[in-house]
Amino acid sequence: MKLHGHISCQVCGFDFGKEYGPEYANKIHVHHIIPVSEIGEEYVIDPITDLIPVCPNCHMVLHTGEGISVEELKKKVKKEKLK
């Protein structure tokens, strides 16, 4: 499968290809914006609106149980980068 474009974490911007070399380009985790446990069985997941590519570190933070949203984590990461 040929991929078009460039995939990086939509929270912090981490890019596996830039960090580890081209053989790791476009490797990423995918986070369900609405937890699967909250979606009814009849619901069909739309990959465009229901999923977001994130690095493993951001994915872990989103699943810590602290209830942080993607947008809240983006703000936190941006704030920490400005320090």
PDB file of N, CA and C in Angstrom:
ATOM      1  N   MET A   1       0.847  -1.176   0.000  1.00  0.00           N
ATOM      2  CA  MET A   1       0.000   0.000   0.000  1.00  0.00           C
ATOM      3  C   MET A   1       0.893   1.241   0.000  1.00  0.00           C
ATOM      4  N   LYS A   2       0.633   2.152  -0.906  1.00  0.00           N
ATOM      5  CA  LYS A   2       1.398   3.386  -0.983  1.00  0.00           C
ATOM      6  C   LYS A   2       0.662   4.464  -0.195  1.00  0.00           C
ATOM      7  N   LEU A   3       1.374   5.072   0.732  1.00  0.00           N
ATOM      8  CA  LEU A   3       0.791   6.144   1.533  1.00  0.00           C
ATOM      9  C   LEU A   3       1.129   7.493   0.918  1.00  0.00           C
ATOM     10  N   HIS A   4       0.194   8.393   0.991  1.00  0.00           N
ATOM     11  CA  HIS A   4       0.413   9.755   0.515  1.00  0.00           C
ATOM     12  C   HIS A   4       0.421  10.669   1.727  1.00  0.00           C
ATOM     13  N   GLY A   5       1.305  11.605   1.736  1.00  0.00           N
ATOM     14  CA  GLY A   5       1.371  12.515   2.861  1.00  0.00           C
ATOM     15  C   GLY A   5       2.329  12.014   3.923  1.00  0.00           C
ATOM     16  N   HIS A   6       2.213  12.609   5.080  1.00  0.00           N
ATOM     17  CA  HIS A   6       3.149  12.368   6.158  1.00  0.00           C
ATOM     18  C   HIS A   6       2.358  12.258   7.445  1.00  0.00           C
ATOM     19  N   ILE A   7       2.564  11.205   8.216  1.00  0.00           N
ATOM     20  CA  ILE A   7       1.795  10.996   9.437  1.00  0.00           C
ATOM     21  C   ILE A   7       2.659  11.311  10.648  1.00  0.00           C
ATOM     22  N   SER A   8       2.150  12.165  11.515  1.00  0.00           N
ATOM     23  CA  SER A   8       2.828  12.471  12.776  1.00  0.00           C
ATOM     24  C   SER A   8       1.761  12.610  13.852  1.00  0.00           C
ATOM     25  N   CYS A   9       2.193  12.634  15.098  1.00  0.00           N
ATOM     26  CA  CYS A   9       1.269  12.744  16.221  1.00  0.00           C
ATOM     27  C   CYS A   9       0.510  14.059  16.135  1.00  0.00           C
ATOM     28  N   GLN A  10      -0.795  13.979  16.204  1.00  0.00           N
ATOM     29  CA  GLN A  10      -1.634  15.173  16.106  1.00  0.00           C
ATOM     30  C   GLN A  10      -1.731  15.926  17.422  1.00  0.00           C
ATOM     31  N   VAL A  11      -1.068  15.422  18.463  1.00  0.00           N
ATOM     32  CA  VAL A  11      -1.016  16.134  19.739  1.00  0.00           C
ATOM     33  C   VAL A  11       0.317  16.867  19.860  1.00  0.00           C
ATOM     34  N   CYS A  12       1.430  16.125  19.767  1.00  0.00           N
ATOM     35  CA  CYS A  12       2.743  16.735  20.013  1.00  0.00           C
ATOM     36  C   CYS A  12       3.602  16.920  18.769  1.00  0.00           C
ATOM     37  N   GLY A  13       3.192  16.311  17.645  1.00  0.00           N
ATOM     38  CA  GLY A  13       3.943  16.462  16.405  1.00  0.00           C
ATOM     39  C   GLY A  13       5.059  15.454  16.198  1.00  0.00           C
ATOM     40  N   PHE A  14       5.227  14.495  17.121  1.00  0.00           N
ATOM     41  CA  PHE A  14       6.306  13.521  16.994  1.00  0.00           C
ATOM     42  C   PHE A  14       6.192  12.760  15.675  1.00  0.00           C
ATOM     43  N   ASP A  15       7.326  12.556  15.027  1.00  0.00           N
ATOM     44  CA  ASP A  15       7.389  11.891  13.726  1.00  0.00           C
ATOM     45  C   ASP A  15       8.434  10.777  13.808  1.00  0.00           C
ATOM     46  N   PHE A  16       7.971   9.528  13.759  1.00  0.00           N
ATOM     47  CA  PHE A  16       8.893   8.398  13.866  1.00  0.00           C
ATOM     48  C   PHE A  16       9.931   8.393  12.749  1.00  0.00           C
ATOM     49  N   GLY A  17       9.554   8.743  11.538  1.00  0.00           N
ATOM     50  CA  GLY A  17      10.485   8.751  10.415  1.00  0.00           C
ATOM     51  C   GLY A  17      11.617   9.740  10.608  1.00  0.00           C
ATOM     52  N   LYS A  18      11.310  10.921  11.094  1.00  0.00           N
ATOM     53  CA  LYS A  18      12.345  11.929  11.325  1.00  0.00           C
ATOM     54  C   LYS A  18      13.266  11.525  12.465  1.00  0.00           C
ATOM     55  N   GLU A  19      12.704  10.880  13.483  1.00  0.00           N
ATOM     56  CA  GLU A  19      13.481  10.513  14.665  1.00  0.00           C
ATOM     57  C   GLU A  19      14.309   9.243  14.463  1.00  0.00           C
ATOM     58  N   TYR A  20      13.744   8.230  13.799  1.00  0.00           N
ATOM     59  CA  TYR A  20      14.379   6.919  13.721  1.00  0.00           C
ATOM     60  C   TYR A  20      14.758   6.466  12.313  1.00  0.00           C
ATOM     61  N   GLY A  21      14.424   7.254  11.301  1.00  0.00           N
ATOM     62  CA  GLY A  21      14.783   6.898   9.938  1.00  0.00           C
ATOM     63  C   GLY A  21      13.577   6.535   9.093  1.00  0.00           C
ATOM     64  N   PRO A  22      13.763   6.534   7.771  1.00  0.00           N
ATOM     65  CA  PRO A  22      12.649   6.351   6.831  1.00  0.00           C
ATOM     66  C   PRO A  22      11.907   5.030   6.974  1.00  0.00           C
ATOM     67  N   GLU A  23      12.579   3.988   7.464  1.00  0.00           N
ATOM     68  CA  GLU A  23      11.882   2.705   7.621  1.00  0.00           C
ATOM     69  C   GLU A  23      10.797   2.759   8.697  1.00  0.00           C
ATOM     70  N   TYR A  24      10.814   3.811   9.515  1.00  0.00           N
ATOM     71  CA  TYR A  24       9.797   3.978  10.553  1.00  0.00           C
ATOM     72  C   TYR A  24       8.812   5.106  10.241  1.00  0.00           C
ATOM     73  N   ALA A  25       8.923   5.696   9.075  1.00  0.00           N
ATOM     74  CA  ALA A  25       8.008   6.774   8.674  1.00  0.00           C
ATOM     75  C   ALA A  25       6.571   6.253   8.652  1.00  0.00           C
ATOM     76  N   ASN A  26       5.676   7.091   9.066  1.00  0.00           N
ATOM     77  CA  ASN A  26       4.237   6.823   9.058  1.00  0.00           C
ATOM     78  C   ASN A  26       3.805   5.692   9.994  1.00  0.00           C
ATOM     79  N   LYS A  27       4.634   5.368  10.985  1.00  0.00           N
ATOM     80  CA  LYS A  27       4.225   4.445  12.043  1.00  0.00           C
ATOM     81  C   LYS A  27       3.571   5.285  13.132  1.00  0.00           C
ATOM     82  N   ILE A  28       2.418   4.867  13.598  1.00  0.00           N
ATOM     83  CA  ILE A  28       1.682   5.701  14.558  1.00  0.00           C
ATOM     84  C   ILE A  28       0.620   4.864  15.261  1.00  0.00           C
ATOM     85  N   HIS A  29       0.213   5.285  16.425  1.00  0.00           N
ATOM     86  CA  HIS A  29      -0.947   4.694  17.100  1.00  0.00           C
ATOM     87  C   HIS A  29      -2.182   5.448  16.624  1.00  0.00           C
ATOM     88  N   VAL A  30      -3.350   4.873  16.837  1.00  0.00           N
ATOM     89  CA  VAL A  30      -4.598   5.547  16.491  1.00  0.00           C
ATOM     90  C   VAL A  30      -5.490   5.541  17.732  1.00  0.00           C
ATOM     91  N   HIS A  31      -5.958   6.716  18.111  1.00  0.00           N
ATOM     92  CA  HIS A  31      -6.775   6.886  19.308  1.00  0.00           C
ATOM     93  C   HIS A  31      -8.234   7.113  18.920  1.00  0.00           C
ATOM     94  N   HIS A  32      -9.138   6.400  19.601  1.00  0.00           N
ATOM     95  CA  HIS A  32     -10.573   6.627  19.422  1.00  0.00           C
ATOM     96  C   HIS A  32     -10.954   7.876  20.222  1.00  0.00           C
ATOM     97  N   ILE A  33     -11.434   8.902  19.564  1.00  0.00           N
ATOM     98  CA  ILE A  33     -11.793  10.139  20.242  1.00  0.00           C
ATOM     99  C   ILE A  33     -12.901   9.877  21.257  1.00  0.00           C
ATOM    100  N   ILE A  34     -13.905   9.104  20.876  1.00  0.00           N
ATOM    101  CA  ILE A  34     -14.932   8.648  21.812  1.00  0.00           C
ATOM    102  C   ILE A  34     -14.561   7.213  22.161  1.00  0.00           C
ATOM    103  N   PRO A  35     -14.365   6.906  23.453  1.00  0.00           N
ATOM    104  CA  PRO A  35     -13.965   5.548  23.827  1.00  0.00           C
ATOM    105  C   PRO A  35     -14.915   4.492  23.266  1.00  0.00           C
ATOM    106  N   VAL A  36     -14.327   3.387  22.805  1.00  0.00           N
ATOM    107  CA  VAL A  36     -15.115   2.300  22.227  1.00  0.00           C
ATOM    108  C   VAL A  36     -16.175   1.823  23.223  1.00  0.00           C
ATOM    109  N   SER A  37     -15.851   1.848  24.504  1.00  0.00           N
ATOM    110  CA  SER A  37     -16.801   1.398  25.525  1.00  0.00           C
ATOM    111  C   SER A  37     -18.050   2.282  25.599  1.00  0.00           C
ATOM    112  N   GLU A  38     -17.974   3.493  25.061  1.00  0.00           N
ATOM    113  CA  GLU A  38     -19.113   4.410  25.086  1.00  0.00           C
ATOM    114  C   GLU A  38     -19.901   4.411  23.779  1.00  0.00           C
ATOM    115  N   ILE A  39     -19.416   3.665  22.792  1.00  0.00           N
ATOM    116  CA  ILE A  39     -20.073   3.627  21.484  1.00  0.00           C
ATOM    117  C   ILE A  39     -20.976   2.399  21.430  1.00  0.00           C
ATOM    118  N   GLY A  40     -22.188   2.580  20.989  1.00  0.00           N
ATOM    119  CA  GLY A  40     -23.117   1.461  20.854  1.00  0.00           C
ATOM    120  C   GLY A  40     -22.677   0.500  19.762  1.00  0.00           C
ATOM    121  N   GLU A  41     -23.120  -0.738  19.860  1.00  0.00           N
ATOM    122  CA  GLU A  41     -22.741  -1.762  18.879  1.00  0.00           C
ATOM    123  C   GLU A  41     -23.175  -1.408  17.463  1.00  0.00           C
ATOM    124  N   GLU A  42     -24.252  -0.657  17.326  1.00  0.00           N
ATOM    125  CA  GLU A  42     -24.765  -0.307  16.003  1.00  0.00           C
ATOM    126  C   GLU A  42     -23.943   0.780  15.329  1.00  0.00           C
ATOM    127  N   TYR A  43     -23.152   1.514  16.123  1.00  0.00           N
ATOM    128  CA  TYR A  43     -22.389   2.642  15.594  1.00  0.00           C
ATOM    129  C   TYR A  43     -21.280   2.148  14.671  1.00  0.00           C
ATOM    130  N   VAL A  44     -21.147   2.763  13.525  1.00  0.00           N
ATOM    131  CA  VAL A  44     -20.070   2.448  12.592  1.00  0.00           C
ATOM    132  C   VAL A  44     -19.013   3.540  12.739  1.00  0.00           C
ATOM    133  N   ILE A  45     -17.809   3.135  13.113  1.00  0.00           N
ATOM    134  CA  ILE A  45     -16.731   4.098  13.338  1.00  0.00           C
ATOM    135  C   ILE A  45     -16.285   4.702  12.015  1.00  0.00           C
ATOM    136  N   ASP A  46     -16.254   6.033  11.990  1.00  0.00           N
ATOM    137  CA  ASP A  46     -15.778   6.786  10.827  1.00  0.00           C
ATOM    138  C   ASP A  46     -14.317   7.145  11.090  1.00  0.00           C
ATOM    139  N   PRO A  47     -13.374   6.599  10.327  1.00  0.00           N
ATOM    140  CA  PRO A  47     -11.957   6.858  10.603  1.00  0.00           C
ATOM    141  C   PRO A  47     -11.567   8.330  10.493  1.00  0.00           C
ATOM    142  N   ILE A  48     -12.319   9.105   9.750  1.00  0.00           N
ATOM    143  CA  ILE A  48     -11.996  10.528   9.588  1.00  0.00           C
ATOM    144  C   ILE A  48     -12.412  11.345  10.812  1.00  0.00           C
ATOM    145  N   THR A  49     -13.585  11.087  11.344  1.00  0.00           N
ATOM    146  CA  THR A  49     -14.092  11.898  12.454  1.00  0.00           C
ATOM    147  C   THR A  49     -13.925  11.256  13.828  1.00  0.00           C
ATOM    148  N   ASP A  50     -13.717   9.930  13.883  1.00  0.00           N
ATOM    149  CA  ASP A  50     -13.686   9.236  15.172  1.00  0.00           C
ATOM    150  C   ASP A  50     -12.293   8.820  15.639  1.00  0.00           C
ATOM    151  N   LEU A  51     -11.296   8.897  14.768  1.00  0.00           N
ATOM    152  CA  LEU A  51      -9.949   8.453  15.104  1.00  0.00           C
ATOM    153  C   LEU A  51      -8.946   9.576  14.890  1.00  0.00           C
ATOM    154  N   ILE A  52      -7.863   9.550  15.681  1.00  0.00           N
ATOM    155  CA  ILE A  52      -6.810  10.554  15.535  1.00  0.00           C
ATOM    156  C   ILE A  52      -5.455   9.868  15.715  1.00  0.00           C
ATOM    157  N   PRO A  53      -4.489  10.157  14.816  1.00  0.00           N
ATOM    158  CA  PRO A  53      -3.161   9.558  14.970  1.00  0.00           C
ATOM    159  C   PRO A  53      -2.380  10.235  16.099  1.00  0.00           C
ATOM    160  N   VAL A  54      -1.850   9.410  16.994  1.00  0.00           N
ATOM    161  CA  VAL A  54      -1.066   9.924  18.129  1.00  0.00           C
ATOM    162  C   VAL A  54       0.134   9.025  18.381  1.00  0.00           C
ATOM    163  N   CYS A  55       1.189   9.591  18.950  1.00  0.00           N
ATOM    164  CA  CYS A  55       2.369   8.791  19.308  1.00  0.00           C
ATOM    165  C   CYS A  55       2.039   7.954  20.544  1.00  0.00           C
ATOM    166  N   PRO A  56       2.827   6.924  20.812  1.00  0.00           N
ATOM    167  CA  PRO A  56       2.556   6.080  21.981  1.00  0.00           C
ATOM    168  C   PRO A  56       2.531   6.846  23.309  1.00  0.00           C
ATOM    169  N   ASN A  57       3.388   7.858  23.453  1.00  0.00           N
ATOM    170  CA  ASN A  57       3.407   8.613  24.710  1.00  0.00           C
ATOM    171  C   ASN A  57       2.109   9.391  24.908  1.00  0.00           C
ATOM    172  N   CYS A  58       1.670  10.102  23.880  1.00  0.00           N
ATOM    173  CA  CYS A  58       0.415  10.852  24.000  1.00  0.00           C
ATOM    174  C   CYS A  58      -0.760   9.892  24.167  1.00  0.00           C
ATOM    175  N   HIS A  59      -0.698   8.742  23.488  1.00  0.00           N
ATOM    176  CA  HIS A  59      -1.771   7.761  23.601  1.00  0.00           C
ATOM    177  C   HIS A  59      -1.887   7.274  25.047  1.00  0.00           C
ATOM    178  N   MET A  60      -0.752   7.006  25.687  1.00  0.00           N
ATOM    179  CA  MET A  60      -0.758   6.576  27.079  1.00  0.00           C
ATOM    180  C   MET A  60      -1.376   7.647  27.973  1.00  0.00           C
ATOM    181  N   VAL A  61      -1.010   8.892  27.766  1.00  0.00           N
ATOM    182  CA  VAL A  61      -1.548   9.975  28.583  1.00  0.00           C
ATOM    183  C   VAL A  61      -3.064  10.081  28.399  1.00  0.00           C
ATOM    184  N   LEU A  62      -3.530   9.928  27.171  1.00  0.00           N
ATOM    185  CA  LEU A  62      -4.969  10.000  26.908  1.00  0.00           C
ATOM    186  C   LEU A  62      -5.735   8.868  27.585  1.00  0.00           C
ATOM    187  N   HIS A  63      -5.035   7.772  27.908  1.00  0.00           N
ATOM    188  CA  HIS A  63      -5.683   6.617  28.538  1.00  0.00           C
ATOM    189  C   HIS A  63      -5.340   6.459  30.015  1.00  0.00           C
ATOM    190  N   THR A  64      -4.854   7.504  30.644  1.00  0.00           N
ATOM    191  CA  THR A  64      -4.456   7.386  32.051  1.00  0.00           C
ATOM    192  C   THR A  64      -5.636   7.336  33.007  1.00  0.00           C
ATOM    193  N   GLY A  65      -6.817   7.648  32.532  1.00  0.00           N
ATOM    194  CA  GLY A  65      -7.959   7.684  33.428  1.00  0.00           C
ATOM    195  C   GLY A  65      -8.170   9.049  34.051  1.00  0.00           C
ATOM    196  N   GLU A  66      -7.332   9.999  33.686  1.00  0.00           N
ATOM    197  CA  GLU A  66      -7.458  11.359  34.215  1.00  0.00           C
ATOM    198  C   GLU A  66      -8.546  12.143  33.488  1.00  0.00           C
ATOM    199  N   GLY A  67      -9.055  11.582  32.398  1.00  0.00           N
ATOM    200  CA  GLY A  67     -10.135  12.238  31.671  1.00  0.00           C
ATOM    201  C   GLY A  67      -9.688  13.401  30.803  1.00  0.00           C
ATOM    202  N   ILE A  68      -8.429  13.429  30.424  1.00  0.00           N
ATOM    203  CA  ILE A  68      -7.938  14.532  29.588  1.00  0.00           C
ATOM    204  C   ILE A  68      -8.350  14.281  28.137  1.00  0.00           C
ATOM    205  N   SER A  69      -8.824  15.332  27.495  1.00  0.00           N
ATOM    206  CA  SER A  69      -9.234  15.219  26.090  1.00  0.00           C
ATOM    207  C   SER A  69      -8.038  15.497  25.186  1.00  0.00           C
ATOM    208  N   VAL A  70      -8.194  15.189  23.914  1.00  0.00           N
ATOM    209  CA  VAL A  70      -7.152  15.460  22.932  1.00  0.00           C
ATOM    210  C   VAL A  70      -6.828  16.949  22.928  1.00  0.00           C
ATOM    211  N   GLU A  71      -7.853  17.790  22.916  1.00  0.00           N
ATOM    212  CA  GLU A  71      -7.625  19.246  22.876  1.00  0.00           C
ATOM    213  C   GLU A  71      -6.927  19.737  24.143  1.00  0.00           C
ATOM    214  N   GLU A  72      -7.302  19.202  25.300  1.00  0.00           N
ATOM    215  CA  GLU A  72      -6.641  19.594  26.555  1.00  0.00           C
ATOM    216  C   GLU A  72      -5.173  19.188  26.539  1.00  0.00           C
ATOM    217  N   LEU A  73      -4.892  17.987  26.028  1.00  0.00           N
ATOM    218  CA  LEU A  73      -3.503  17.526  25.972  1.00  0.00           C
ATOM    219  C   LEU A  73      -2.697  18.368  24.991  1.00  0.00           C
ATOM    220  N   LYS A  74      -3.291  18.744  23.863  1.00  0.00           N
ATOM    221  CA  LYS A  74      -2.593  19.622  22.904  1.00  0.00           C
ATOM    222  C   LYS A  74      -2.176  20.919  23.590  1.00  0.00           C
ATOM    223  N   LYS A  75      -3.091  21.511  24.356  1.00  0.00           N
ATOM    224  CA  LYS A  75      -2.783  22.770  25.061  1.00  0.00           C
ATOM    225  C   LYS A  75      -1.673  22.559  26.077  1.00  0.00           C
ATOM    226  N   LYS A  76      -1.737  21.446  26.810  1.00  0.00           N
ATOM    227  CA  LYS A  76      -0.721  21.149  27.817  1.00  0.00           C
ATOM    228  C   LYS A  76       0.651  20.969  27.166  1.00  0.00           C
ATOM    229  N   VAL A  77       0.715  20.232  26.077  1.00  0.00           N
ATOM    230  CA  VAL A  77       1.981  19.998  25.371  1.00  0.00           C
ATOM    231  C   VAL A  77       2.536  21.315  24.841  1.00  0.00           C
ATOM    232  N   LYS A  78       1.675  22.120  24.242  1.00  0.00           N
ATOM    233  CA  LYS A  78       2.112  23.409  23.703  1.00  0.00           C
ATOM    234  C   LYS A  78       2.666  24.297  24.815  1.00  0.00           C
ATOM    235  N   LYS A  79       1.969  24.324  25.947  1.00  0.00           N
ATOM    236  CA  LYS A  79       2.400  25.131  27.090  1.00  0.00           C
ATOM    237  C   LYS A  79       3.760  24.653  27.597  1.00  0.00           C
ATOM    238  N   GLU A  80       3.953  23.341  27.691  1.00  0.00           N
ATOM    239  CA  GLU A  80       5.232  22.785  28.179  1.00  0.00           C
ATOM    240  C   GLU A  80       6.367  23.075  27.207  1.00  0.00           C
ATOM    241  N   LYS A  81       6.090  23.075  25.905  1.00  0.00           N
ATOM    242  CA  LYS A  81       7.134  23.365  24.907  1.00  0.00           C
ATOM    243  C   LYS A  81       7.586  24.818  24.977  1.00  0.00           C
ATOM    244  N   LEU A  82       6.710  25.707  25.433  1.00  0.00           N
ATOM    245  CA  LEU A  82       7.044  27.131  25.515  1.00  0.00           C
ATOM    246  C   LEU A  82       7.927  27.448  26.725  1.00  0.00           C
ATOM    247  N   LYS A  83       8.050  26.535  27.657  1.00  0.00           N
ATOM    248  CA  LYS A  83       8.867  26.777  28.862  1.00  0.00           C
ATOM    249  C   LYS A  83      10.332  26.772  28.536  1.00  0.00           C
TER     250      LYS A  83
END
